[in-house]
Amino acid sequence: MKIHRYRTGIESGKTTRQTIYAITDMTSRQASPQRLGQLARGHPGIEFVHHVRDTTFAKDASKIRTGHGPANIATLRNLEVKTLRDAGHHSIAAGLRQASYTPFTRPLDLLGLT
């Protein structure tokens, strides 16, 4: 099944179309595009990580756009979020601030590398 998603760029005002292919064991009556869209967007954990990346890490303002750079940075940001959550931080921004107070030791402590 094909799902089309349209987005309009904030700066350019240009509308782009993204085609998403979905494989499911639902019948064609059960798997309407609206239902598949609801299922895809219904994962709050995924949306939360995107929200944290967008707000705390200013992902949309990033200048890293070529090669494997964006995927590598996303992986590092996910590691930061998970490490801070595992350390008991409820606010990623507050956890990053706390880690920045001792930048040569605190990140290594959080990763268990000291």
PDB file of N, CA and C in Angstrom:
ATOM      1  N   MET A   1       0.846  -1.163   0.000  1.00  0.00           N
ATOM      2  CA  MET A   1       0.000   0.000   0.000  1.00  0.00           C
ATOM      3  C   MET A   1       0.893   1.229   0.000  1.00  0.00           C
ATOM      4  N   LYS A   2       0.506   2.239  -0.753  1.00  0.00           N
ATOM      5  CA  LYS A   2       1.247   3.485  -0.849  1.00  0.00           C
ATOM      6  C   LYS A   2       0.535   4.575  -0.065  1.00  0.00           C
ATOM      7  N   ILE A   3       1.298   5.339   0.685  1.00  0.00           N
ATOM      8  CA  ILE A   3       0.762   6.490   1.408  1.00  0.00           C
ATOM      9  C   ILE A   3       1.575   7.695   0.964  1.00  0.00           C
ATOM     10  N   HIS A   4       0.916   8.782   0.626  1.00  0.00           N
ATOM     11  CA  HIS A   4       1.612  10.003   0.236  1.00  0.00           C
ATOM     12  C   HIS A   4       1.520  11.005   1.374  1.00  0.00           C
ATOM     13  N   ARG A   5       2.643  11.611   1.686  1.00  0.00           N
ATOM     14  CA  ARG A   5       2.688  12.627   2.734  1.00  0.00           C
ATOM     15  C   ARG A   5       3.230  13.906   2.109  1.00  0.00           C
ATOM     16  N   TYR A   6       2.553  14.985   2.347  1.00  0.00           N
ATOM     17  CA  TYR A   6       2.940  16.272   1.786  1.00  0.00           C
ATOM     18  C   TYR A   6       3.436  17.188   2.889  1.00  0.00           C
ATOM     19  N   ARG A   7       4.507  17.902   2.604  1.00  0.00           N
ATOM     20  CA  ARG A   7       5.055  18.856   3.559  1.00  0.00           C
ATOM     21  C   ARG A   7       5.394  20.145   2.834  1.00  0.00           C
ATOM     22  N   THR A   8       5.226  21.250   3.521  1.00  0.00           N
ATOM     23  CA  THR A   8       5.603  22.544   2.975  1.00  0.00           C
ATOM     24  C   THR A   8       6.751  23.090   3.807  1.00  0.00           C
ATOM     25  N   GLY A   9       7.865  23.414   3.133  1.00  0.00           N
ATOM     26  CA  GLY A   9       9.035  23.939   3.818  1.00  0.00           C
ATOM     27  C   GLY A   9       8.764  25.316   4.398  1.00  0.00           C
ATOM     28  N   ILE A  10       9.244  25.545   5.613  1.00  0.00           N
ATOM     29  CA  ILE A  10       9.017  26.822   6.291  1.00  0.00           C
ATOM     30  C   ILE A  10       9.744  27.948   5.564  1.00  0.00           C
ATOM     31  N   GLU A  11      11.010  27.736   5.239  1.00  0.00           N
ATOM     32  CA  GLU A  11      11.793  28.796   4.615  1.00  0.00           C
ATOM     33  C   GLU A  11      11.507  28.937   3.131  1.00  0.00           C
ATOM     34  N   SER A  12      11.422  27.801   2.427  1.00  0.00           N
ATOM     35  CA  SER A  12      11.271  27.869   0.973  1.00  0.00           C
ATOM     36  C   SER A  12       9.817  28.011   0.538  1.00  0.00           C
ATOM     37  N   GLY A  13       8.878  27.543   1.358  1.00  0.00           N
ATOM     38  CA  GLY A  13       7.473  27.566   0.970  1.00  0.00           C
ATOM     39  C   GLY A  13       7.157  26.520  -0.075  1.00  0.00           C
ATOM     40  N   LYS A  14       8.117  25.660  -0.367  1.00  0.00           N
ATOM     41  CA  LYS A  14       7.985  24.638  -1.388  1.00  0.00           C
ATOM     42  C   LYS A  14       7.311  23.394  -0.799  1.00  0.00           C
ATOM     43  N   THR A  15       6.350  22.837  -1.538  1.00  0.00           N
ATOM     44  CA  THR A  15       5.669  21.633  -1.084  1.00  0.00           C
ATOM     45  C   THR A  15       6.347  20.412  -1.692  1.00  0.00           C
ATOM     46  N   THR A  16       6.667  19.439  -0.831  1.00  0.00           N
ATOM     47  CA  THR A  16       7.275  18.200  -1.305  1.00  0.00           C
ATOM     48  C   THR A  16       6.342  17.039  -1.017  1.00  0.00           C
ATOM     49  N   ARG A  17       6.468  15.994  -1.804  1.00  0.00           N
ATOM     50  CA  ARG A  17       5.633  14.807  -1.638  1.00  0.00           C
ATOM     51  C   ARG A  17       6.543  13.632  -1.333  1.00  0.00           C
ATOM     52  N   GLN A  18       6.222  12.908  -0.287  1.00  0.00           N
ATOM     53  CA  GLN A  18       6.979  11.733   0.105  1.00  0.00           C
ATOM     54  C   GLN A  18       6.058  10.531  -0.009  1.00  0.00           C
ATOM     55  N   THR A  19       6.534   9.493  -0.651  1.00  0.00           N
ATOM     56  CA  THR A  19       5.758   8.269  -0.780  1.00  0.00           C
ATOM     57  C   THR A  19       6.273   7.258   0.221  1.00  0.00           C
ATOM     58  N   ILE A  20       5.374   6.715   1.010  1.00  0.00           N
ATOM     59  CA  ILE A  20       5.720   5.718   2.012  1.00  0.00           C
ATOM     60  C   ILE A  20       5.034   4.414   1.635  1.00  0.00           C
ATOM     61  N   TYR A  21       5.797   3.333   1.565  1.00  0.00           N
ATOM     62  CA  TYR A  21       5.236   2.031   1.253  1.00  0.00           C
ATOM     63  C   TYR A  21       5.071   1.255   2.555  1.00  0.00           C
ATOM     64  N   ALA A  22       3.919   0.658   2.745  1.00  0.00           N
ATOM     65  CA  ALA A  22       3.636  -0.067   3.980  1.00  0.00           C
ATOM     66  C   ALA A  22       3.285  -1.515   3.654  1.00  0.00           C
ATOM     67  N   ILE A  23       3.812  -2.419   4.457  1.00  0.00           N
ATOM     68  CA  ILE A  23       3.474  -3.835   4.348  1.00  0.00           C
ATOM     69  C   ILE A  23       2.735  -4.209   5.620  1.00  0.00           C
ATOM     70  N   THR A  24       1.602  -4.842   5.462  1.00  0.00           N
ATOM     71  CA  THR A  24       0.796  -5.186   6.624  1.00  0.00           C
ATOM     72  C   THR A  24       0.056  -6.487   6.371  1.00  0.00           C
ATOM     73  N   ASP A  25      -0.387  -7.114   7.445  1.00  0.00           N
ATOM     74  CA  ASP A  25      -1.197  -8.318   7.297  1.00  0.00           C
ATOM     75  C   ASP A  25      -2.688  -7.989   7.404  1.00  0.00           C
ATOM     76  N   MET A  26      -3.022  -6.696   7.450  1.00  0.00           N
ATOM     77  CA  MET A  26      -4.426  -6.302   7.503  1.00  0.00           C
ATOM     78  C   MET A  26      -5.058  -6.451   6.121  1.00  0.00           C
ATOM     79  N   THR A  27      -6.348  -6.625   6.119  1.00  0.00           N
ATOM     80  CA  THR A  27      -7.069  -6.682   4.845  1.00  0.00           C
ATOM     81  C   THR A  27      -7.139  -5.274   4.256  1.00  0.00           C
ATOM     82  N   SER A  28      -7.521  -5.183   2.988  1.00  0.00           N
ATOM     83  CA  SER A  28      -7.590  -3.865   2.352  1.00  0.00           C
ATOM     84  C   SER A  28      -8.649  -2.984   3.012  1.00  0.00           C
ATOM     85  N   ARG A  29      -9.695  -3.592   3.557  1.00  0.00           N
ATOM     86  CA  ARG A  29     -10.703  -2.800   4.274  1.00  0.00           C
ATOM     87  C   ARG A  29     -10.147  -2.250   5.584  1.00  0.00           C
ATOM     88  N   GLN A  30      -9.336  -3.039   6.257  1.00  0.00           N
ATOM     89  CA  GLN A  30      -8.764  -2.615   7.533  1.00  0.00           C
ATOM     90  C   GLN A  30      -7.633  -1.602   7.338  1.00  0.00           C
ATOM     91  N   ALA A  31      -6.909  -1.727   6.237  1.00  0.00           N
ATOM     92  CA  ALA A  31      -5.697  -0.927   6.034  1.00  0.00           C
ATOM     93  C   ALA A  31      -5.946   0.262   5.115  1.00  0.00           C
ATOM     94  N   SER A  32      -6.840   1.119   5.504  1.00  0.00           N
ATOM     95  CA  SER A  32      -7.051   2.341   4.723  1.00  0.00           C
ATOM     96  C   SER A  32      -5.847   3.258   4.936  1.00  0.00           C
ATOM     97  N   PRO A  33      -5.580   4.173   4.022  1.00  0.00           N
ATOM     98  CA  PRO A  33      -4.467   5.101   4.217  1.00  0.00           C
ATOM     99  C   PRO A  33      -4.590   5.887   5.519  1.00  0.00           C
ATOM    100  N   GLN A  34      -5.813   6.259   5.875  1.00  0.00           N
ATOM    101  CA  GLN A  34      -6.006   6.997   7.120  1.00  0.00           C
ATOM    102  C   GLN A  34      -5.620   6.140   8.325  1.00  0.00           C
ATOM    103  N   ARG A  35      -6.015   4.880   8.316  1.00  0.00           N
ATOM    104  CA  ARG A  35      -5.706   3.976   9.437  1.00  0.00           C
ATOM    105  C   ARG A  35      -4.202   3.729   9.532  1.00  0.00           C
ATOM    106  N   LEU A  36      -3.542   3.501   8.396  1.00  0.00           N
ATOM    107  CA  LEU A  36      -2.098   3.294   8.421  1.00  0.00           C
ATOM    108  C   LEU A  36      -1.372   4.548   8.895  1.00  0.00           C
ATOM    109  N   GLY A  37      -1.867   5.704   8.499  1.00  0.00           N
ATOM    110  CA  GLY A  37      -1.281   6.964   8.972  1.00  0.00           C
ATOM    111  C   GLY A  37      -1.421   7.112  10.468  1.00  0.00           C
ATOM    112  N   GLN A  38      -2.600   6.737  10.989  1.00  0.00           N
ATOM    113  CA  GLN A  38      -2.809   6.804  12.439  1.00  0.00           C
ATOM    114  C   GLN A  38      -1.856   5.866  13.162  1.00  0.00           C
ATOM    115  N   LEU A  39      -1.673   4.666  12.625  1.00  0.00           N
ATOM    116  CA  LEU A  39      -0.772   3.706  13.258  1.00  0.00           C
ATOM    117  C   LEU A  39       0.672   4.204  13.227  1.00  0.00           C
ATOM    118  N   ALA A  40       1.074   4.777  12.098  1.00  0.00           N
ATOM    119  CA  ALA A  40       2.450   5.266  11.974  1.00  0.00           C
ATOM    120  C   ALA A  40       2.705   6.431  12.915  1.00  0.00           C
ATOM    121  N   ARG A  41       1.739   7.302  13.083  1.00  0.00           N
ATOM    122  CA  ARG A  41       1.911   8.462  13.963  1.00  0.00           C
ATOM    123  C   ARG A  41       1.581   8.149  15.412  1.00  0.00           C
ATOM    124  N   GLY A  42       1.043   6.971  15.665  1.00  0.00           N
ATOM    125  CA  GLY A  42       0.576   6.632  16.998  1.00  0.00           C
ATOM    126  C   GLY A  42       1.640   6.124  17.941  1.00  0.00           C
ATOM    127  N   HIS A  43       2.879   6.226  17.574  1.00  0.00           N
ATOM    128  CA  HIS A  43       3.958   5.776  18.452  1.00  0.00           C
ATOM    129  C   HIS A  43       4.531   6.985  19.176  1.00  0.00           C
ATOM    130  N   PRO A  44       4.026   7.284  20.384  1.00  0.00           N
ATOM    131  CA  PRO A  44       4.456   8.489  21.081  1.00  0.00           C
ATOM    132  C   PRO A  44       5.940   8.493  21.412  1.00  0.00           C
ATOM    133  N   GLY A  45       6.537   7.334  21.608  1.00  0.00           N
ATOM    134  CA  GLY A  45       7.962   7.290  21.914  1.00  0.00           C
ATOM    135  C   GLY A  45       8.797   7.830  20.779  1.00  0.00           C
ATOM    136  N   ILE A  46       8.440   7.457  19.569  1.00  0.00           N
ATOM    137  CA  ILE A  46       9.160   7.926  18.388  1.00  0.00           C
ATOM    138  C   ILE A  46       8.958   9.426  18.241  1.00  0.00           C
ATOM    139  N   GLU A  47       7.718   9.868  18.355  1.00  0.00           N
ATOM    140  CA  GLU A  47       7.444  11.297  18.217  1.00  0.00           C
ATOM    141  C   GLU A  47       8.133  12.096  19.313  1.00  0.00           C
ATOM    142  N   PHE A  48       8.235  11.530  20.522  1.00  0.00           N
ATOM    143  CA  PHE A  48       8.893  12.238  21.610  1.00  0.00           C
ATOM    144  C   PHE A  48      10.367  12.448  21.308  1.00  0.00           C
ATOM    145  N   VAL A  49      11.023  11.415  20.780  1.00  0.00           N
ATOM    146  CA  VAL A  49      12.445  11.540  20.447  1.00  0.00           C
ATOM    147  C   VAL A  49      12.632  12.612  19.378  1.00  0.00           C
ATOM    148  N   HIS A  50      11.743  12.642  18.379  1.00  0.00           N
ATOM    149  CA  HIS A  50      11.836  13.673  17.348  1.00  0.00           C
ATOM    150  C   HIS A  50      11.626  15.057  17.950  1.00  0.00           C
ATOM    151  N   HIS A  51      10.702  15.165  18.877  1.00  0.00           N
ATOM    152  CA  HIS A  51      10.445  16.452  19.529  1.00  0.00           C
ATOM    153  C   HIS A  51      11.667  16.910  20.313  1.00  0.00           C
ATOM    154  N   VAL A  52      12.299  16.007  21.040  1.00  0.00           N
ATOM    155  CA  VAL A  52      13.495  16.352  21.815  1.00  0.00           C
ATOM    156  C   VAL A  52      14.600  16.796  20.866  1.00  0.00           C
ATOM    157  N   ARG A  53      14.794  16.045  19.775  1.00  0.00           N
ATOM    158  CA  ARG A  53      15.825  16.424  18.809  1.00  0.00           C
ATOM    159  C   ARG A  53      15.537  17.794  18.205  1.00  0.00           C
ATOM    160  N   ASP A  54      14.271  18.033  17.882  1.00  0.00           N
ATOM    161  CA  ASP A  54      13.910  19.306  17.255  1.00  0.00           C
ATOM    162  C   ASP A  54      14.088  20.480  18.198  1.00  0.00           C
ATOM    163  N   THR A  55      13.706  20.330  19.449  1.00  0.00           N
ATOM    164  CA  THR A  55      13.736  21.462  20.376  1.00  0.00           C
ATOM    165  C   THR A  55      15.069  21.584  21.116  1.00  0.00           C
ATOM    166  N   THR A  56      15.484  20.549  21.805  1.00  0.00           N
ATOM    167  CA  THR A  56      16.696  20.623  22.627  1.00  0.00           C
ATOM    168  C   THR A  56      17.958  20.716  21.784  1.00  0.00           C
ATOM    169  N   PHE A  57      18.031  19.928  20.714  1.00  0.00           N
ATOM    170  CA  PHE A  57      19.235  19.904  19.897  1.00  0.00           C
ATOM    171  C   PHE A  57      19.140  20.805  18.670  1.00  0.00           C
ATOM    172  N   ALA A  58      18.023  21.496  18.495  1.00  0.00           N
ATOM    173  CA  ALA A  58      17.810  22.396  17.342  1.00  0.00           C
ATOM    174  C   ALA A  58      18.161  21.693  16.036  1.00  0.00           C
ATOM    175  N   LYS A  59      17.606  20.507  15.861  1.00  0.00           N
ATOM    176  CA  LYS A  59      17.914  19.677  14.698  1.00  0.00           C
ATOM    177  C   LYS A  59      17.641  20.396  13.383  1.00  0.00           C
ATOM    178  N   ASP A  60      16.559  21.152  13.317  1.00  0.00           N
ATOM    179  CA  ASP A  60      16.204  21.815  12.073  1.00  0.00           C
ATOM    180  C   ASP A  60      17.195  22.914  11.694  1.00  0.00           C
ATOM    181  N   ALA A  61      17.939  23.434  12.656  1.00  0.00           N
ATOM    182  CA  ALA A  61      18.922  24.480  12.383  1.00  0.00           C
ATOM    183  C   ALA A  61      20.296  23.901  12.055  1.00  0.00           C
ATOM    184  N   SER A  62      20.431  22.584  12.099  1.00  0.00           N
ATOM    185  CA  SER A  62      21.716  21.946  11.860  1.00  0.00           C
ATOM    186  C   SER A  62      22.195  22.188  10.430  1.00  0.00           C
ATOM    187  N   LYS A  63      23.484  22.409  10.278  1.00  0.00           N
ATOM    188  CA  LYS A  63      24.102  22.612   8.960  1.00  0.00           C
ATOM    189  C   LYS A  63      24.669  21.313   8.404  1.00  0.00           C
ATOM    190  N   ILE A  64      24.498  20.221   9.139  1.00  0.00           N
ATOM    191  CA  ILE A  64      25.024  18.926   8.700  1.00  0.00           C
ATOM    192  C   ILE A  64      23.985  18.298   7.780  1.00  0.00           C
ATOM    193  N   ARG A  65      24.291  18.275   6.471  1.00  0.00           N
ATOM    194  CA  ARG A  65      23.291  17.811   5.511  1.00  0.00           C
ATOM    195  C   ARG A  65      23.826  16.875   4.445  1.00  0.00           C
ATOM    196  N   THR A  66      25.099  16.555   4.448  1.00  0.00           N
ATOM    197  CA  THR A  66      25.634  15.749   3.356  1.00  0.00           C
ATOM    198  C   THR A  66      26.203  14.428   3.858  1.00  0.00           C
ATOM    199  N   GLY A  67      26.238  13.477   2.956  1.00  0.00           N
ATOM    200  CA  GLY A  67      26.822  12.177   3.253  1.00  0.00           C
ATOM    201  C   GLY A  67      26.127  11.465   4.403  1.00  0.00           C
ATOM    202  N   HIS A  68      26.923  10.835   5.248  1.00  0.00           N
ATOM    203  CA  HIS A  68      26.402  10.098   6.398  1.00  0.00           C
ATOM    204  C   HIS A  68      26.296  10.979   7.641  1.00  0.00           C
ATOM    205  N   GLY A  69      26.658  12.240   7.518  1.00  0.00           N
ATOM    206  CA  GLY A  69      26.656  13.154   8.657  1.00  0.00           C
ATOM    207  C   GLY A  69      25.344  13.225   9.407  1.00  0.00           C
ATOM    208  N   PRO A  70      24.208  13.452   8.719  1.00  0.00           N
ATOM    209  CA  PRO A  70      22.934  13.548   9.448  1.00  0.00           C
ATOM    210  C   PRO A  70      22.583  12.279  10.225  1.00  0.00           C
ATOM    211  N   ALA A  71      22.816  11.125   9.635  1.00  0.00           N
ATOM    212  CA  ALA A  71      22.514   9.859  10.328  1.00  0.00           C
ATOM    213  C   ALA A  71      23.443   9.662  11.520  1.00  0.00           C
ATOM    214  N   ASN A  72      24.713  10.018  11.352  1.00  0.00           N
ATOM    215  CA  ASN A  72      25.669   9.874  12.459  1.00  0.00           C
ATOM    216  C   ASN A  72      25.317  10.801  13.617  1.00  0.00           C
ATOM    217  N   ILE A  73      24.975  12.036  13.323  1.00  0.00           N
ATOM    218  CA  ILE A  73      24.605  12.985  14.371  1.00  0.00           C
ATOM    219  C   ILE A  73      23.318  12.544  15.064  1.00  0.00           C
ATOM    220  N   ALA A  74      22.359  12.038  14.289  1.00  0.00           N
ATOM    221  CA  ALA A  74      21.113  11.534  14.892  1.00  0.00           C
ATOM    222  C   ALA A  74      21.407  10.382  15.844  1.00  0.00           C
ATOM    223  N   THR A  75      22.332   9.517  15.473  1.00  0.00           N
ATOM    224  CA  THR A  75      22.710   8.394  16.339  1.00  0.00           C
ATOM    225  C   THR A  75      23.341   8.900  17.634  1.00  0.00           C
ATOM    226  N   LEU A  76      24.227   9.882  17.522  1.00  0.00           N
ATOM    227  CA  LEU A  76      24.853  10.446  18.728  1.00  0.00           C
ATOM    228  C   LEU A  76      23.828  11.138  19.613  1.00  0.00           C
ATOM    229  N   ARG A  77      22.878  11.841  19.014  1.00  0.00           N
ATOM    230  CA  ARG A  77      21.838  12.506  19.808  1.00  0.00           C
ATOM    231  C   ARG A  77      20.957  11.481  20.506  1.00  0.00           C
ATOM    232  N   ASN A  78      20.634  10.394  19.812  1.00  0.00           N
ATOM    233  CA  ASN A  78      19.848   9.325  20.456  1.00  0.00           C
ATOM    234  C   ASN A  78      20.616   8.729  21.623  1.00  0.00           C
ATOM    235  N   LEU A  79      21.932   8.563  21.461  1.00  0.00           N
ATOM    236  CA  LEU A  79      22.765   8.055  22.556  1.00  0.00           C
ATOM    237  C   LEU A  79      22.731   9.016  23.744  1.00  0.00           C
ATOM    238  N   GLU A  80      22.810  10.313  23.459  1.00  0.00           N
ATOM    239  CA  GLU A  80      22.744  11.303  24.539  1.00  0.00           C
ATOM    240  C   GLU A  80      21.418  11.228  25.285  1.00  0.00           C
ATOM    241  N   VAL A  81      20.322  11.161  24.541  1.00  0.00           N
ATOM    242  CA  VAL A  81      18.992  11.110  25.166  1.00  0.00           C
ATOM    243  C   VAL A  81      18.878   9.860  26.029  1.00  0.00           C
ATOM    244  N   LYS A  82      19.270   8.708  25.476  1.00  0.00           N
ATOM    245  CA  LYS A  82      19.152   7.448  26.224  1.00  0.00           C
ATOM    246  C   LYS A  82      20.049   7.456  27.460  1.00  0.00           C
ATOM    247  N   THR A  83      21.268   7.947  27.324  1.00  0.00           N
ATOM    248  CA  THR A  83      22.197   7.978  28.452  1.00  0.00           C
ATOM    249  C   THR A  83      21.669   8.865  29.570  1.00  0.00           C
ATOM    250  N   LEU A  84      21.143  10.032  29.206  1.00  0.00           N
ATOM    251  CA  LEU A  84      20.599  10.930  30.228  1.00  0.00           C
ATOM    252  C   LEU A  84      19.341  10.352  30.868  1.00  0.00           C
ATOM    253  N   ARG A  85      18.485   9.702  30.077  1.00  0.00           N
ATOM    254  CA  ARG A  85      17.288   9.060  30.645  1.00  0.00           C
ATOM    255  C   ARG A  85      17.685   7.941  31.608  1.00  0.00           C
ATOM    256  N   ASP A  86      18.662   7.124  31.201  1.00  0.00           N
ATOM    257  CA  ASP A  86      19.124   6.035  32.069  1.00  0.00           C
ATOM    258  C   ASP A  86      19.731   6.559  33.368  1.00  0.00           C
ATOM    259  N   ALA A  87      20.301   7.772  33.319  1.00  0.00           N
ATOM    260  CA  ALA A  87      20.895   8.371  34.513  1.00  0.00           C
ATOM    261  C   ALA A  87      19.846   9.040  35.391  1.00  0.00           C
ATOM    262  N   GLY A  88      18.576   9.007  34.965  1.00  0.00           N
ATOM    263  CA  GLY A  88      17.499   9.534  35.790  1.00  0.00           C
ATOM    264  C   GLY A  88      17.071  10.955  35.485  1.00  0.00           C
ATOM    265  N   HIS A  89      17.565  11.527  34.402  1.00  0.00           N
ATOM    266  CA  HIS A  89      17.175  12.896  34.045  1.00  0.00           C
ATOM    267  C   HIS A  89      15.828  12.883  33.333  1.00  0.00           C
ATOM    268  N   HIS A  90      14.909  13.680  33.824  1.00  0.00           N
ATOM    269  CA  HIS A  90      13.600  13.796  33.177  1.00  0.00           C
ATOM    270  C   HIS A  90      13.628  14.876  32.111  1.00  0.00           C
ATOM    271  N   SER A  91      14.485  15.858  32.289  1.00  0.00           N
ATOM    272  CA  SER A  91      14.646  16.944  31.323  1.00  0.00           C
ATOM    273  C   SER A  91      15.996  16.772  30.631  1.00  0.00           C
ATOM    274  N   ILE A  92      15.969  16.547  29.323  1.00  0.00           N
ATOM    275  CA  ILE A  92      17.210  16.369  28.575  1.00  0.00           C
ATOM    276  C   ILE A  92      18.019  17.667  28.594  1.00  0.00           C
ATOM    277  N   ALA A  93      17.345  18.806  28.451  1.00  0.00           N
ATOM    278  CA  ALA A  93      18.052  20.088  28.470  1.00  0.00           C
ATOM    279  C   ALA A  93      18.780  20.293  29.803  1.00  0.00           C
ATOM    280  N   ALA A  94      18.110  19.980  30.909  1.00  0.00           N
ATOM    281  CA  ALA A  94      18.737  20.124  32.226  1.00  0.00           C
ATOM    282  C   ALA A  94      19.909  19.149  32.373  1.00  0.00           C
ATOM    283  N   GLY A  95      19.752  17.936  31.864  1.00  0.00           N
ATOM    284  CA  GLY A  95      20.833  16.960  31.910  1.00  0.00           C
ATOM    285  C   GLY A  95      22.045  17.399  31.110  1.00  0.00           C
ATOM    286  N   LEU A  96      21.803  17.999  29.942  1.00  0.00           N
ATOM    287  CA  LEU A  96      22.904  18.510  29.131  1.00  0.00           C
ATOM    288  C   LEU A  96      23.617  19.664  29.829  1.00  0.00           C
ATOM    289  N   ARG A  97      22.831  20.537  30.468  1.00  0.00           N
ATOM    290  CA  ARG A  97      23.445  21.647  31.217  1.00  0.00           C
ATOM    291  C   ARG A  97      24.316  21.106  32.344  1.00  0.00           C
ATOM    292  N   GLN A  98      23.790  20.134  33.085  1.00  0.00           N
ATOM    293  CA  GLN A  98      24.553  19.568  34.199  1.00  0.00           C
ATOM    294  C   GLN A  98      25.837  18.919  33.699  1.00  0.00           C
ATOM    295  N   ALA A  99      25.757  18.213  32.587  1.00  0.00           N
ATOM    296  CA  ALA A  99      26.956  17.580  32.033  1.00  0.00           C
ATOM    297  C   ALA A  99      27.962  18.618  31.554  1.00  0.00           C
ATOM    298  N   SER A 100      27.475  19.781  31.115  1.00  0.00           N
ATOM    299  CA  SER A 100      28.385  20.816  30.612  1.00  0.00           C
ATOM    300  C   SER A 100      29.163  21.508  31.723  1.00  0.00           C
ATOM    301  N   TYR A 101      28.737  21.365  32.975  1.00  0.00           N
ATOM    302  CA  TYR A 101      29.454  22.008  34.079  1.00  0.00           C
ATOM    303  C   TYR A 101      30.826  21.374  34.284  1.00  0.00           C
ATOM    304  N   THR A 102      30.948  20.092  34.021  1.00  0.00           N
ATOM    305  CA  THR A 102      32.233  19.390  34.083  1.00  0.00           C
ATOM    306  C   THR A 102      32.396  18.597  32.784  1.00  0.00           C
ATOM    307  N   PRO A 103      32.688  19.291  31.678  1.00  0.00           N
ATOM    308  CA  PRO A 103      32.647  18.655  30.362  1.00  0.00           C
ATOM    309  C   PRO A 103      33.713  17.590  30.117  1.00  0.00           C
ATOM    310  N   PHE A 104      34.773  17.566  30.925  1.00  0.00           N
ATOM    311  CA  PHE A 104      35.816  16.584  30.688  1.00  0.00           C
ATOM    312  C   PHE A 104      35.614  15.292  31.468  1.00  0.00           C
ATOM    313  N   THR A 105      34.693  15.307  32.446  1.00  0.00           N
ATOM    314  CA  THR A 105      34.498  14.095  33.244  1.00  0.00           C
ATOM    315  C   THR A 105      33.046  13.615  33.258  1.00  0.00           C
ATOM    316  N   ARG A 106      32.083  14.513  33.331  1.00  0.00           N
ATOM    317  CA  ARG A 106      30.677  14.112  33.500  1.00  0.00           C
ATOM    318  C   ARG A 106      30.159  13.237  32.355  1.00  0.00           C
ATOM    319  N   PRO A 107      30.392  13.575  31.077  1.00  0.00           N
ATOM    320  CA  PRO A 107      29.898  12.685  30.019  1.00  0.00           C
ATOM    321  C   PRO A 107      30.499  11.282  30.108  1.00  0.00           C
ATOM    322  N   LEU A 108      31.754  11.207  30.485  1.00  0.00           N
ATOM    323  CA  LEU A 108      32.395   9.886  30.619  1.00  0.00           C
ATOM    324  C   LEU A 108      31.810   9.123  31.812  1.00  0.00           C
ATOM    325  N   ASP A 109      31.496   9.851  32.896  1.00  0.00           N
ATOM    326  CA  ASP A 109      30.853   9.217  34.057  1.00  0.00           C
ATOM    327  C   ASP A 109      29.496   8.627  33.665  1.00  0.00           C
ATOM    328  N   LEU A 110      28.725   9.398  32.906  1.00  0.00           N
ATOM    329  CA  LEU A 110      27.403   8.919  32.495  1.00  0.00           C
ATOM    330  C   LEU A 110      27.488   7.654  31.650  1.00  0.00           C
ATOM    331  N   LEU A 111      28.533   7.558  30.836  1.00  0.00           N
ATOM    332  CA  LEU A 111      28.719   6.379  29.974  1.00  0.00           C
ATOM    333  C   LEU A 111      29.437   5.250  30.694  1.00  0.00           C
ATOM    334  N   GLY A 112      29.874   5.493  31.933  1.00  0.00           N
ATOM    335  CA  GLY A 112      30.590   4.470  32.703  1.00  0.00           C
ATOM    336  C   GLY A 112      32.000   4.230  32.199  1.00  0.00           C
ATOM    337  N   LEU A 113      32.632   5.267  31.671  1.00  0.00           N
ATOM    338  CA  LEU A 113      33.969   5.117  31.091  1.00  0.00           C
ATOM    339  C   LEU A 113      35.079   5.693  31.956  1.00  0.00           C
ATOM    340  N   THR A 114      34.779   6.019  33.222  1.00  0.00           N
ATOM    341  CA  THR A 114      35.860   6.541  34.069  1.00  0.00           C
ATOM    342  C   THR A 114      36.235   5.543  35.134  1.00  0.00           C
TER     343      THR A 114
END
